[in-house]
Amino acid sequence: MIKHRRQKRILGILQSQGSVELSGLARMMPEVSRVTLRRDITELAEAGALKRTHGGAVLPDAAVLAREAQPARPEAMASELDGLDGIILPPVPGRGAEALRRQICRRGLPFLAESAGQAGGVYLGPDNLTAGLELGRVAGESVDAGGALVLMVVLPELANTRARAEGFEAGIRETAEGPVEFLRVNGQGSYRTALRVAQDAFKLRPEIALVFGVNDHSALAGMDAAEKAGARVAAFATGGENPDFVGRLGEDGPLRAVAAFFPEIVGEWGIDLMADALAGRPMPDPAITPHAILTAGTLDAHYLRAGDGWAPKPGLRETLMGASAEAYPATRR
């Protein structure tokens, strides 16, 4: 692939996602070497088209602000529903998303609300509160009688991320030997914002000992902020959206445990459920997908090395879902 096409595609991915890791780019552009992708990111950063991060890139501030400033156009979104038979809608805050949800319900389309419950939709996703609680119990075991200050990089705008944070806090209080204090910052779910507010937190309270992130980007930003501040922390995350992020559990770094939600399994099961709905069969409501608390000791039971990165082990869906996986085989679609 020639250079201008590679770089155009990188920018297109960034416009869509807001941020991307080098490992993610390598999976989406397997025909391009990581050395070339890293060089393209450097050139684009020098041109001001993006900003480099530890292990990837984000949109420059001006582009983010311009994108967020665009007004919602419900009528345009409604027209995009023409010809659709069903929809899987992730949690997105704002008036535009609410207008889209209302249009879906008015049309009577089969509607899966992925990750967070939405009125009119069948919930598809993990038990966020329980996952956060189980992760918090693991984190609390690292708190001795002297107590600890925990930095919580949260996203209060969404019900699912609020539940993760609430569960984590309750879990850590259950198992911590000493007193625990929580310092909460709103990372808005993005690496760029989370890094900024986490760095401010370490300047204010350099004694932070534990970091919790409601998703991969939030936890990664918290770890990077700790490194920049010269602080030694233990980090915990809910999400595990990126297998390479989960793979950091196998490194000698701050990441100690992840409540992994296995998006590959969620996506497969969502398609199976939608196919059933279109065939006139009822969908389970809610459709609770599996999660697992992964540590360095359990990582290999769920993920394996794939080239320079990590990937879910074959048969993981059947292992985690048991009878549910048999009832909704991926081959059904």
C-alpha atoms as a PDB file:
ATOM      1  CA  MET A   1       0.000   0.000   0.000  1.00  0.00           C
ATOM      2  CA  ILE A   2       1.466   3.364  -1.000  1.00  0.00           C
ATOM      3  CA  LYS A   3       2.162   5.924   1.691  1.00  0.00           C
ATOM      4  CA  HIS A   4      -0.613   8.456   1.107  1.00  0.00           C
ATOM      5  CA  ARG A   5      -3.222   5.684   1.109  1.00  0.00           C
ATOM      6  CA  ARG A   6      -1.810   4.194   4.312  1.00  0.00           C
ATOM      7  CA  GLN A   7      -1.845   7.517   6.074  1.00  0.00           C
ATOM      8  CA  LYS A   8      -5.328   8.353   4.794  1.00  0.00           C
ATOM      9  CA  ARG A   9      -6.576   5.070   6.210  1.00  0.00           C
ATOM     10  CA  ILE A  10      -4.880   5.699   9.568  1.00  0.00           C
ATOM     11  CA  LEU A  11      -6.580   9.083   9.802  1.00  0.00           C
ATOM     12  CA  GLY A  12      -9.899   7.534   8.801  1.00  0.00           C
ATOM     13  CA  ILE A  13      -9.633   5.022  11.626  1.00  0.00           C
ATOM     14  CA  LEU A  14      -8.799   7.814  14.061  1.00  0.00           C
ATOM     15  CA  GLN A  15     -11.773   9.882  12.898  1.00  0.00           C
ATOM     16  CA  SER A  16     -13.994   6.894  13.575  1.00  0.00           C
ATOM     17  CA  GLN A  17     -12.528   5.798  16.914  1.00  0.00           C
ATOM     18  CA  GLY A  18     -10.862   8.909  18.339  1.00  0.00           C
ATOM     19  CA  SER A  19      -7.802   6.909  19.390  1.00  0.00           C
ATOM     20  CA  VAL A  20      -6.004   3.739  18.335  1.00  0.00           C
ATOM     21  CA  GLU A  21      -3.084   1.622  19.518  1.00  0.00           C
ATOM     22  CA  LEU A  22      -0.337   0.474  17.175  1.00  0.00           C
ATOM     23  CA  SER A  23      -1.366  -3.128  17.802  1.00  0.00           C
ATOM     24  CA  GLY A  24      -4.903  -2.297  16.690  1.00  0.00           C
ATOM     25  CA  LEU A  25      -3.669  -0.657  13.512  1.00  0.00           C
ATOM     26  CA  ALA A  26      -1.531  -3.719  12.799  1.00  0.00           C
ATOM     27  CA  ARG A  27      -4.606  -5.963  13.028  1.00  0.00           C
ATOM     28  CA  MET A  28      -6.665  -3.698  10.762  1.00  0.00           C
ATOM     29  CA  MET A  29      -3.811  -3.261   8.268  1.00  0.00           C
ATOM     30  CA  PRO A  30      -2.032  -6.640   8.296  1.00  0.00           C
ATOM     31  CA  GLU A  31      -0.354  -5.938   4.975  1.00  0.00           C
ATOM     32  CA  VAL A  32       1.680  -3.105   6.563  1.00  0.00           C
ATOM     33  CA  SER A  33       4.568  -3.750   8.965  1.00  0.00           C
ATOM     34  CA  ARG A  34       4.583  -2.227  12.428  1.00  0.00           C
ATOM     35  CA  VAL A  35       7.778  -0.363  11.593  1.00  0.00           C
ATOM     36  CA  THR A  36       6.036   1.338   8.666  1.00  0.00           C
ATOM     37  CA  LEU A  37       2.924   2.109  10.727  1.00  0.00           C
ATOM     38  CA  ARG A  38       5.062   3.624  13.478  1.00  0.00           C
ATOM     39  CA  ARG A  39       6.863   5.779  10.902  1.00  0.00           C
ATOM     40  CA  ASP A  40       3.540   6.915   9.407  1.00  0.00           C
ATOM     41  CA  ILE A  41       2.270   7.902  12.861  1.00  0.00           C
ATOM     42  CA  THR A  42       5.443   9.915  13.464  1.00  0.00           C
ATOM     43  CA  GLU A  43       5.094  11.756  10.136  1.00  0.00           C
ATOM     44  CA  LEU A  44       1.403  12.483  10.721  1.00  0.00           C
ATOM     45  CA  ALA A  45       2.173  13.747  14.218  1.00  0.00           C
ATOM     46  CA  GLU A  46       4.860  16.071  12.870  1.00  0.00           C
ATOM     47  CA  ALA A  47       2.324  17.400  10.372  1.00  0.00           C
ATOM     48  CA  GLY A  48      -0.186  18.033  13.188  1.00  0.00           C
ATOM     49  CA  ALA A  49      -2.726  15.533  11.830  1.00  0.00           C
ATOM     50  CA  LEU A  50      -2.660  13.437  15.017  1.00  0.00           C
ATOM     51  CA  LYS A  51      -1.014  13.217  18.425  1.00  0.00           C
ATOM     52  CA  ARG A  52       1.237  10.346  19.410  1.00  0.00           C
ATOM     53  CA  THR A  53       0.568   8.458  22.633  1.00  0.00           C
ATOM     54  CA  HIS A  54       2.352   5.643  24.421  1.00  0.00           C
ATOM     55  CA  GLY A  55       1.720   2.831  21.970  1.00  0.00           C
ATOM     56  CA  GLY A  56      -0.571   4.594  19.521  1.00  0.00           C
ATOM     57  CA  ALA A  57      -2.216   7.855  18.502  1.00  0.00           C
ATOM     58  CA  VAL A  58      -5.205  10.108  19.202  1.00  0.00           C
ATOM     59  CA  LEU A  59      -6.904  12.887  17.311  1.00  0.00           C
ATOM     60  CA  PRO A  60      -5.413  16.340  17.869  1.00  0.00           C
ATOM     61  CA  ASP A  61      -7.340  18.543  20.299  1.00  0.00           C
ATOM     62  CA  ALA A  62      -8.720  20.806  17.552  1.00  0.00           C
ATOM     63  CA  ALA A  63     -10.174  17.862  15.653  1.00  0.00           C
ATOM     64  CA  VAL A  64     -11.759  16.424  18.782  1.00  0.00           C
ATOM     65  CA  LEU A  65     -13.356  19.743  19.675  1.00  0.00           C
ATOM     66  CA  ALA A  66     -14.647  20.258  16.140  1.00  0.00           C
ATOM     67  CA  ARG A  67     -16.172  16.794  16.075  1.00  0.00           C
ATOM     68  CA  GLU A  68     -17.820  17.214  19.476  1.00  0.00           C
ATOM     69  CA  ALA A  69     -19.188  20.628  18.515  1.00  0.00           C
ATOM     70  CA  GLN A  70     -21.202  19.304  15.579  1.00  0.00           C
ATOM     71  CA  PRO A  71     -24.932  19.437  16.410  1.00  0.00           C
ATOM     72  CA  ALA A  72     -26.981  16.253  16.434  1.00  0.00           C
ATOM     73  CA  ARG A  73     -29.189  15.737  13.376  1.00  0.00           C
ATOM     74  CA  PRO A  74     -31.940  13.307  14.355  1.00  0.00           C
ATOM     75  CA  GLU A  75     -33.567  13.454  10.918  1.00  0.00           C
ATOM     76  CA  ALA A  76     -30.297  12.394   9.279  1.00  0.00           C
ATOM     77  CA  MET A  77     -29.852   9.545  11.720  1.00  0.00           C
ATOM     78  CA  ALA A  78     -33.445   8.427  11.197  1.00  0.00           C
ATOM     79  CA  SER A  79     -32.917   8.188   7.445  1.00  0.00           C
ATOM     80  CA  GLU A  80     -29.999   5.831   8.074  1.00  0.00           C
ATOM     81  CA  LEU A  81     -32.457   3.338   9.581  1.00  0.00           C
ATOM     82  CA  ASP A  82     -34.218   2.916   6.233  1.00  0.00           C
ATOM     83  CA  GLY A  83     -33.778  -0.622   4.991  1.00  0.00           C
ATOM     84  CA  LEU A  84     -32.526  -1.977   8.340  1.00  0.00           C
ATOM     85  CA  ASP A  85     -34.250  -4.995   9.885  1.00  0.00           C
ATOM     86  CA  GLY A  86     -32.664  -4.761  13.327  1.00  0.00           C
ATOM     87  CA  ILE A  87     -30.036  -2.843  15.238  1.00  0.00           C
ATOM     88  CA  ILE A  88     -27.399  -3.327  17.953  1.00  0.00           C
ATOM     89  CA  LEU A  89     -26.808   0.022  19.651  1.00  0.00           C
ATOM     90  CA  PRO A  90     -23.855   0.669  21.987  1.00  0.00           C
ATOM     91  CA  PRO A  91     -24.121   3.205  24.828  1.00  0.00           C
ATOM     92  CA  VAL A  92     -23.540   6.705  23.474  1.00  0.00           C
ATOM     93  CA  PRO A  93     -24.439   9.778  25.558  1.00  0.00           C
ATOM     94  CA  GLY A  94     -26.098  12.866  24.148  1.00  0.00           C
ATOM     95  CA  ARG A  95     -29.313  14.048  22.510  1.00  0.00           C
ATOM     96  CA  GLY A  96     -28.453  12.551  19.157  1.00  0.00           C
ATOM     97  CA  ALA A  97     -28.259   9.031  20.571  1.00  0.00           C
ATOM     98  CA  GLU A  98     -31.559   9.457  22.412  1.00  0.00           C
ATOM     99  CA  ALA A  99     -33.243  10.691  19.227  1.00  0.00           C
ATOM    100  CA  LEU A 100     -31.931   7.659  17.362  1.00  0.00           C
ATOM    101  CA  ARG A 101     -33.211   5.312  20.058  1.00  0.00           C
ATOM    102  CA  ARG A 102     -36.691   6.828  19.841  1.00  0.00           C
ATOM    103  CA  GLN A 103     -36.718   6.356  16.074  1.00  0.00           C
ATOM    104  CA  ILE A 104     -35.725   2.701  16.484  1.00  0.00           C
ATOM    105  CA  CYS A 105     -38.555   2.086  18.939  1.00  0.00           C
ATOM    106  CA  ARG A 106     -41.108   3.869  16.753  1.00  0.00           C
ATOM    107  CA  ARG A 107     -40.231   1.635  13.845  1.00  0.00           C
ATOM    108  CA  GLY A 108     -40.516  -1.487  15.987  1.00  0.00           C
ATOM    109  CA  LEU A 109     -37.090  -2.795  14.967  1.00  0.00           C
ATOM    110  CA  PRO A 110     -35.519  -5.634  16.982  1.00  0.00           C
ATOM    111  CA  PHE A 111     -33.175  -3.696  19.238  1.00  0.00           C
ATOM    112  CA  LEU A 112     -30.220  -4.948  21.284  1.00  0.00           C
ATOM    113  CA  ALA A 113     -28.815  -2.418  23.755  1.00  0.00           C
ATOM    114  CA  GLU A 114     -25.150  -3.405  23.952  1.00  0.00           C
ATOM    115  CA  SER A 115     -23.230  -2.891  27.245  1.00  0.00           C
ATOM    116  CA  ALA A 116     -25.807  -0.581  28.875  1.00  0.00           C
ATOM    117  CA  GLY A 117     -29.559  -0.861  29.211  1.00  0.00           C
ATOM    118  CA  GLN A 118     -31.661   1.442  27.045  1.00  0.00           C
ATOM    119  CA  ALA A 119     -35.436   1.892  27.074  1.00  0.00           C
ATOM    120  CA  GLY A 120     -37.088  -0.292  24.453  1.00  0.00           C
ATOM    121  CA  GLY A 121     -34.046  -2.493  23.899  1.00  0.00           C
ATOM    122  CA  VAL A 122     -32.972  -5.944  25.081  1.00  0.00           C
ATOM    123  CA  TYR A 123     -29.844  -5.583  27.175  1.00  0.00           C
ATOM    124  CA  LEU A 124     -26.816  -7.408  25.755  1.00  0.00           C
ATOM    125  CA  GLY A 125     -23.680  -7.360  27.847  1.00  0.00           C
ATOM    126  CA  PRO A 126     -22.020  -8.318  31.128  1.00  0.00           C
ATOM    127  CA  ASP A 127     -23.231  -7.847  34.669  1.00  0.00           C
ATOM    128  CA  ASN A 128     -21.241  -4.648  35.157  1.00  0.00           C
ATOM    129  CA  LEU A 129     -21.908  -4.299  38.887  1.00  0.00           C
ATOM    130  CA  THR A 130     -20.882  -7.878  39.691  1.00  0.00           C
ATOM    131  CA  ALA A 131     -17.758  -7.652  37.511  1.00  0.00           C
ATOM    132  CA  GLY A 132     -16.687  -4.461  39.267  1.00  0.00           C
ATOM    133  CA  LEU A 133     -17.397  -6.020  42.664  1.00  0.00           C
ATOM    134  CA  GLU A 134     -15.291  -9.120  41.927  1.00  0.00           C
ATOM    135  CA  LEU A 135     -12.418  -6.992  40.604  1.00  0.00           C
ATOM    136  CA  GLY A 136     -12.593  -4.743  43.666  1.00  0.00           C
ATOM    137  CA  ARG A 137     -12.303  -7.743  45.971  1.00  0.00           C
ATOM    138  CA  VAL A 138      -9.079  -8.741  44.205  1.00  0.00           C
ATOM    139  CA  ALA A 139      -7.750  -5.185  44.436  1.00  0.00           C
ATOM    140  CA  GLY A 140      -8.636  -4.944  48.116  1.00  0.00           C
ATOM    141  CA  GLU A 141      -6.373  -7.867  48.912  1.00  0.00           C
ATOM    142  CA  SER A 142      -3.398  -5.632  48.062  1.00  0.00           C
ATOM    143  CA  VAL A 143      -4.376  -3.025  50.666  1.00  0.00           C
ATOM    144  CA  ASP A 144      -2.674  -3.653  54.016  1.00  0.00           C
ATOM    145  CA  ALA A 145      -3.479  -2.244  57.425  1.00  0.00           C
ATOM    146  CA  GLY A 146      -1.856   1.050  56.484  1.00  0.00           C
ATOM    147  CA  GLY A 147      -4.628   1.790  53.998  1.00  0.00           C
ATOM    148  CA  ALA A 148      -4.406   3.213  50.486  1.00  0.00           C
ATOM    149  CA  LEU A 149      -5.508   6.038  48.235  1.00  0.00           C
ATOM    150  CA  VAL A 150      -7.238   4.803  45.059  1.00  0.00           C
ATOM    151  CA  LEU A 151      -7.469   6.875  41.881  1.00  0.00           C
ATOM    152  CA  MET A 152     -10.753   6.091  40.110  1.00  0.00           C
ATOM    153  CA  VAL A 153     -10.723   7.108  36.412  1.00  0.00           C
ATOM    154  CA  VAL A 154     -14.464   6.953  35.773  1.00  0.00           C
ATOM    155  CA  LEU A 155     -17.132   7.822  33.225  1.00  0.00           C
ATOM    156  CA  PRO A 156     -20.239   8.887  35.188  1.00  0.00           C
ATOM    157  CA  GLU A 157     -22.324   9.769  32.119  1.00  0.00           C
ATOM    158  CA  LEU A 158     -23.106   6.108  31.328  1.00  0.00           C
ATOM    159  CA  ALA A 159     -25.029   3.674  33.533  1.00  0.00           C
ATOM    160  CA  ASN A 160     -22.779   0.712  32.721  1.00  0.00           C
ATOM    161  CA  THR A 161     -19.541   2.475  33.666  1.00  0.00           C
ATOM    162  CA  ARG A 162     -21.150   3.881  36.816  1.00  0.00           C
ATOM    163  CA  ALA A 163     -22.074   0.333  37.830  1.00  0.00           C
ATOM    164  CA  ARG A 164     -18.512  -0.885  37.219  1.00  0.00           C
ATOM    165  CA  ALA A 165     -17.092   1.849  39.449  1.00  0.00           C
ATOM    166  CA  GLU A 166     -19.695   1.346  42.173  1.00  0.00           C
ATOM    167  CA  GLY A 167     -19.007  -2.387  42.225  1.00  0.00           C
ATOM    168  CA  PHE A 168     -15.238  -1.880  42.356  1.00  0.00           C
ATOM    169  CA  GLU A 169     -15.505   0.497  45.284  1.00  0.00           C
ATOM    170  CA  ALA A 170     -17.781  -1.868  47.207  1.00  0.00           C
ATOM    171  CA  GLY A 171     -15.512  -4.845  46.489  1.00  0.00           C
ATOM    172  CA  ILE A 172     -12.328  -3.161  47.597  1.00  0.00           C
ATOM    173  CA  ARG A 173     -13.953  -2.048  50.853  1.00  0.00           C
ATOM    174  CA  GLU A 174     -14.940  -5.670  51.522  1.00  0.00           C
ATOM    175  CA  THR A 175     -11.426  -7.082  51.437  1.00  0.00           C
ATOM    176  CA  ALA A 176      -9.058  -4.203  52.297  1.00  0.00           C
ATOM    177  CA  GLU A 177      -7.443  -4.565  55.719  1.00  0.00           C
ATOM    178  CA  GLY A 178      -6.928  -0.858  56.205  1.00  0.00           C
ATOM    179  CA  PRO A 179      -8.847   2.340  55.378  1.00  0.00           C
ATOM    180  CA  VAL A 180      -9.380   3.170  51.719  1.00  0.00           C
ATOM    181  CA  GLU A 181      -9.821   6.649  50.270  1.00  0.00           C
ATOM    182  CA  PHE A 182     -11.113   7.203  46.735  1.00  0.00           C
ATOM    183  CA  LEU A 183     -10.167  10.067  44.423  1.00  0.00           C
ATOM    184  CA  ARG A 184     -12.471  10.192  41.377  1.00  0.00           C
ATOM    185  CA  VAL A 185     -11.759  11.919  38.071  1.00  0.00           C
ATOM    186  CA  ASN A 186     -13.852  11.890  34.896  1.00  0.00           C
ATOM    187  CA  GLY A 187     -11.728  10.526  32.063  1.00  0.00           C
ATOM    188  CA  GLN A 188     -14.675  10.670  29.620  1.00  0.00           C
ATOM    189  CA  GLY A 189     -13.709   7.203  28.383  1.00  0.00           C
ATOM    190  CA  SER A 190     -10.860   8.541  26.217  1.00  0.00           C
ATOM    191  CA  TYR A 191      -7.106   8.213  26.668  1.00  0.00           C
ATOM    192  CA  ARG A 192      -6.389  11.888  25.961  1.00  0.00           C
ATOM    193  CA  THR A 193      -8.787  13.270  28.573  1.00  0.00           C
ATOM    194  CA  ALA A 194      -8.087  10.532  31.104  1.00  0.00           C
ATOM    195  CA  LEU A 195      -4.333  11.135  30.925  1.00  0.00           C
ATOM    196  CA  ARG A 196      -4.766  14.849  31.557  1.00  0.00           C
ATOM    197  CA  VAL A 197      -7.024  14.467  34.599  1.00  0.00           C
ATOM    198  CA  ALA A 198      -4.967  11.568  35.970  1.00  0.00           C
ATOM    199  CA  GLN A 199      -1.787  13.643  35.760  1.00  0.00           C
ATOM    200  CA  ASP A 200      -3.560  16.414  37.668  1.00  0.00           C
ATOM    201  CA  ALA A 201      -4.582  13.872  40.302  1.00  0.00           C
ATOM    202  CA  PHE A 202      -0.986  12.695  40.822  1.00  0.00           C
ATOM    203  CA  LYS A 203       0.171  16.291  41.183  1.00  0.00           C
ATOM    204  CA  LEU A 204      -2.496  16.845  43.829  1.00  0.00           C
ATOM    205  CA  ARG A 205      -2.064  13.512  45.633  1.00  0.00           C
ATOM    206  CA  PRO A 206       1.290  11.877  44.820  1.00  0.00           C
ATOM    207  CA  GLU A 207       0.620   9.150  47.413  1.00  0.00           C
ATOM    208  CA  ILE A 208      -1.893   7.405  45.091  1.00  0.00           C
ATOM    209  CA  ALA A 209      -1.208   3.655  45.378  1.00  0.00           C
ATOM    210  CA  LEU A 210      -3.941   2.032  43.270  1.00  0.00           C
ATOM    211  CA  VAL A 211      -5.460   3.005  39.930  1.00  0.00           C
ATOM    212  CA  PHE A 212      -8.820   1.843  38.593  1.00  0.00           C
ATOM    213  CA  GLY A 213     -10.047   2.485  35.039  1.00  0.00           C
ATOM    214  CA  VAL A 214     -13.591   1.828  33.792  1.00  0.00           C
ATOM    215  CA  ASN A 215     -12.216   0.836  30.366  1.00  0.00           C
ATOM    216  CA  ASP A 216      -8.871   0.071  28.745  1.00  0.00           C
ATOM    217  CA  HIS A 217      -8.115   3.666  27.761  1.00  0.00           C
ATOM    218  CA  SER A 218      -8.904   4.961  31.255  1.00  0.00           C
ATOM    219  CA  ALA A 219      -6.670   2.402  32.958  1.00  0.00           C
ATOM    220  CA  LEU A 220      -3.856   2.884  30.430  1.00  0.00           C
ATOM    221  CA  ALA A 221      -3.972   6.638  30.973  1.00  0.00           C
ATOM    222  CA  GLY A 222      -3.846   6.154  34.736  1.00  0.00           C
ATOM    223  CA  MET A 223      -0.803   3.892  34.431  1.00  0.00           C
ATOM    224  CA  ASP A 224       0.965   6.313  32.089  1.00  0.00           C
ATOM    225  CA  ALA A 225       0.215   9.218  34.431  1.00  0.00           C
ATOM    226  CA  ALA A 226       1.717   7.244  37.330  1.00  0.00           C
ATOM    227  CA  GLU A 227       4.837   6.525  35.291  1.00  0.00           C
ATOM    228  CA  LYS A 228       5.236  10.185  34.373  1.00  0.00           C
ATOM    229  CA  ALA A 229       4.864  11.101  38.062  1.00  0.00           C
ATOM    230  CA  GLY A 230       7.406   8.487  39.125  1.00  0.00           C
ATOM    231  CA  ALA A 231       4.787   6.694  41.226  1.00  0.00           C
ATOM    232  CA  ARG A 232       4.599   2.937  41.776  1.00  0.00           C
ATOM    233  CA  VAL A 233       0.989   1.778  41.580  1.00  0.00           C
ATOM    234  CA  ALA A 234      -1.107  -1.344  41.162  1.00  0.00           C
ATOM    235  CA  ALA A 235      -3.638  -0.931  38.340  1.00  0.00           C
ATOM    236  CA  PHE A 236      -7.011  -2.585  37.742  1.00  0.00           C
ATOM    237  CA  ALA A 237      -9.434  -2.275  34.842  1.00  0.00           C
ATOM    238  CA  THR A 238     -12.875  -3.313  33.710  1.00  0.00           C
ATOM    239  CA  GLY A 239     -13.324  -3.896  29.998  1.00  0.00           C
ATOM    240  CA  GLY A 240     -10.504  -5.770  28.353  1.00  0.00           C
ATOM    241  CA  GLU A 241     -11.676  -4.529  24.953  1.00  0.00           C
ATOM    242  CA  ASN A 242      -8.194  -4.884  23.464  1.00  0.00           C
ATOM    243  CA  PRO A 243      -6.501  -8.302  23.814  1.00  0.00           C
ATOM    244  CA  ASP A 244      -3.077  -6.645  23.708  1.00  0.00           C
ATOM    245  CA  PHE A 245      -4.047  -4.511  26.709  1.00  0.00           C
ATOM    246  CA  VAL A 246      -5.122  -7.640  28.588  1.00  0.00           C
ATOM    247  CA  GLY A 247      -1.808  -9.207  27.578  1.00  0.00           C
ATOM    248  CA  ARG A 248      -0.030  -6.624  29.739  1.00  0.00           C
ATOM    249  CA  LEU A 249      -0.999  -8.795  32.688  1.00  0.00           C
ATOM    250  CA  GLY A 250       1.849 -11.062  31.608  1.00  0.00           C
ATOM    251  CA  GLU A 251       4.387  -8.247  31.796  1.00  0.00           C
ATOM    252  CA  ASP A 252       6.285  -6.947  34.808  1.00  0.00           C
ATOM    253  CA  GLY A 253       4.181  -3.797  34.968  1.00  0.00           C
ATOM    254  CA  PRO A 254       1.520  -2.136  37.118  1.00  0.00           C
ATOM    255  CA  LEU A 255      -1.506  -3.943  35.620  1.00  0.00           C
ATOM    256  CA  ARG A 256      -2.596  -6.568  38.172  1.00  0.00           C
ATOM    257  CA  ALA A 257      -6.124  -7.661  37.194  1.00  0.00           C
ATOM    258  CA  VAL A 258      -8.744  -7.033  34.502  1.00  0.00           C
ATOM    259  CA  ALA A 259     -12.462  -7.786  34.573  1.00  0.00           C
ATOM    260  CA  ALA A 260     -12.545  -8.926  30.941  1.00  0.00           C
ATOM    261  CA  PHE A 261     -15.817  -8.717  28.986  1.00  0.00           C
ATOM    262  CA  PHE A 262     -14.691 -10.491  25.797  1.00  0.00           C
ATOM    263  CA  PRO A 263     -16.179  -8.212  23.078  1.00  0.00           C
ATOM    264  CA  GLU A 264     -15.605 -10.904  20.455  1.00  0.00           C
ATOM    265  CA  ILE A 265     -18.068 -13.149  22.289  1.00  0.00           C
ATOM    266  CA  VAL A 266     -20.535 -10.307  22.821  1.00  0.00           C
ATOM    267  CA  GLY A 267     -20.451  -9.522  19.091  1.00  0.00           C
ATOM    268  CA  GLU A 268     -20.961 -13.131  18.018  1.00  0.00           C
ATOM    269  CA  TRP A 269     -23.821 -13.725  20.421  1.00  0.00           C
ATOM    270  CA  GLY A 270     -25.454 -10.416  19.445  1.00  0.00           C
ATOM    271  CA  ILE A 271     -25.552 -11.507  15.800  1.00  0.00           C
ATOM    272  CA  ASP A 272     -26.991 -14.883  16.783  1.00  0.00           C
ATOM    273  CA  LEU A 273     -29.677 -13.245  18.919  1.00  0.00           C
ATOM    274  CA  MET A 274     -30.577 -10.792  16.165  1.00  0.00           C
ATOM    275  CA  ALA A 275     -30.888 -13.658  13.677  1.00  0.00           C
ATOM    276  CA  ASP A 276     -33.283 -15.385  16.070  1.00  0.00           C
ATOM    277  CA  ALA A 277     -35.359 -12.217  16.466  1.00  0.00           C
ATOM    278  CA  LEU A 278     -35.654 -11.804  12.693  1.00  0.00           C
ATOM    279  CA  ALA A 279     -36.761 -15.439  12.459  1.00  0.00           C
ATOM    280  CA  GLY A 280     -39.534 -14.776  14.979  1.00  0.00           C
ATOM    281  CA  ARG A 281     -37.867 -16.445  17.957  1.00  0.00           C
ATOM    282  CA  PRO A 282     -37.788 -14.601  21.307  1.00  0.00           C
ATOM    283  CA  MET A 283     -34.564 -13.151  22.657  1.00  0.00           C
ATOM    284  CA  PRO A 284     -33.581 -13.622  26.315  1.00  0.00           C
ATOM    285  CA  ASP A 285     -34.036 -10.355  28.200  1.00  0.00           C
ATOM    286  CA  PRO A 286     -31.536  -9.530  29.540  1.00  0.00           C
ATOM    287  CA  ALA A 287     -28.882 -11.367  27.521  1.00  0.00           C
ATOM    288  CA  ILE A 288     -26.056 -11.509  30.057  1.00  0.00           C
ATOM    289  CA  THR A 289     -22.653 -12.217  28.520  1.00  0.00           C
ATOM    290  CA  PRO A 290     -19.708 -13.726  30.427  1.00  0.00           C
ATOM    291  CA  HIS A 291     -16.905 -11.961  32.202  1.00  0.00           C
ATOM    292  CA  ALA A 292     -13.806 -13.247  33.969  1.00  0.00           C
ATOM    293  CA  ILE A 293     -11.311 -11.731  36.382  1.00  0.00           C
ATOM    294  CA  LEU A 294      -7.958 -12.177  34.674  1.00  0.00           C
ATOM    295  CA  THR A 295      -4.591 -11.960  36.385  1.00  0.00           C
ATOM    296  CA  ALA A 296      -1.083 -12.961  35.391  1.00  0.00           C
ATOM    297  CA  GLY A 297      -1.882 -16.458  36.641  1.00  0.00           C
ATOM    298  CA  THR A 298      -5.103 -16.895  34.604  1.00  0.00           C
ATOM    299  CA  LEU A 299      -4.177 -15.006  31.430  1.00  0.00           C
ATOM    300  CA  ASP A 300      -2.956 -18.094  29.560  1.00  0.00           C
ATOM    301  CA  ALA A 301      -6.239 -19.902  30.232  1.00  0.00           C
ATOM    302  CA  HIS A 302      -8.129 -17.303  28.197  1.00  0.00           C
ATOM    303  CA  TYR A 303      -5.690 -15.731  25.714  1.00  0.00           C
ATOM    304  CA  LEU A 304      -2.735 -16.902  23.675  1.00  0.00           C
ATOM    305  CA  ARG A 305       0.111 -15.232  21.836  1.00  0.00           C
ATOM    306  CA  ALA A 306      -0.724 -14.284  18.239  1.00  0.00           C
ATOM    307  CA  GLY A 307       2.331 -12.890  16.469  1.00  0.00           C
ATOM    308  CA  ASP A 308       3.349  -9.746  18.309  1.00  0.00           C
ATOM    309  CA  GLY A 309       0.043  -9.565  20.175  1.00  0.00           C
ATOM    310  CA  TRP A 310      -2.645 -11.612  21.907  1.00  0.00           C
ATOM    311  CA  ALA A 311      -5.897 -13.265  20.840  1.00  0.00           C
ATOM    312  CA  PRO A 312      -8.702 -15.200  22.601  1.00  0.00           C
ATOM    313  CA  LYS A 313      -8.056 -18.932  22.811  1.00  0.00           C
ATOM    314  CA  PRO A 314     -10.033 -21.158  20.416  1.00  0.00           C
ATOM    315  CA  GLY A 315     -13.186 -22.473  22.078  1.00  0.00           C
ATOM    316  CA  LEU A 316     -13.234 -19.664  24.666  1.00  0.00           C
ATOM    317  CA  ARG A 317     -16.880 -18.894  23.942  1.00  0.00           C
ATOM    318  CA  GLU A 318     -17.933 -22.466  24.705  1.00  0.00           C
ATOM    319  CA  THR A 319     -15.730 -22.542  27.812  1.00  0.00           C
ATOM    320  CA  LEU A 320     -17.231 -19.353  29.241  1.00  0.00           C
ATOM    321  CA  MET A 321     -20.855 -19.708  28.145  1.00  0.00           C
ATOM    322  CA  GLY A 322     -21.417 -23.442  28.462  1.00  0.00           C
ATOM    323  CA  ALA A 323     -25.010 -24.361  27.552  1.00  0.00           C
ATOM    324  CA  SER A 324     -25.737 -20.853  26.300  1.00  0.00           C
ATOM    325  CA  ALA A 325     -23.031 -21.202  23.657  1.00  0.00           C
ATOM    326  CA  GLU A 326     -24.563 -24.481  22.514  1.00  0.00           C
ATOM    327  CA  ALA A 327     -27.991 -22.861  22.271  1.00  0.00           C
ATOM    328  CA  TYR A 328     -26.572 -20.010  20.183  1.00  0.00           C
ATOM    329  CA  PRO A 329     -23.710 -21.449  18.107  1.00  0.00           C
ATOM    330  CA  ALA A 330     -21.702 -18.898  16.151  1.00  0.00           C
ATOM    331  CA  THR A 331     -22.342 -20.957  13.012  1.00  0.00           C
ATOM    332  CA  ARG A 332     -26.083 -20.312  13.205  1.00  0.00           C
ATOM    333  CA  ARG A 333     -25.700 -17.012  11.456  1.00  0.00           C
END
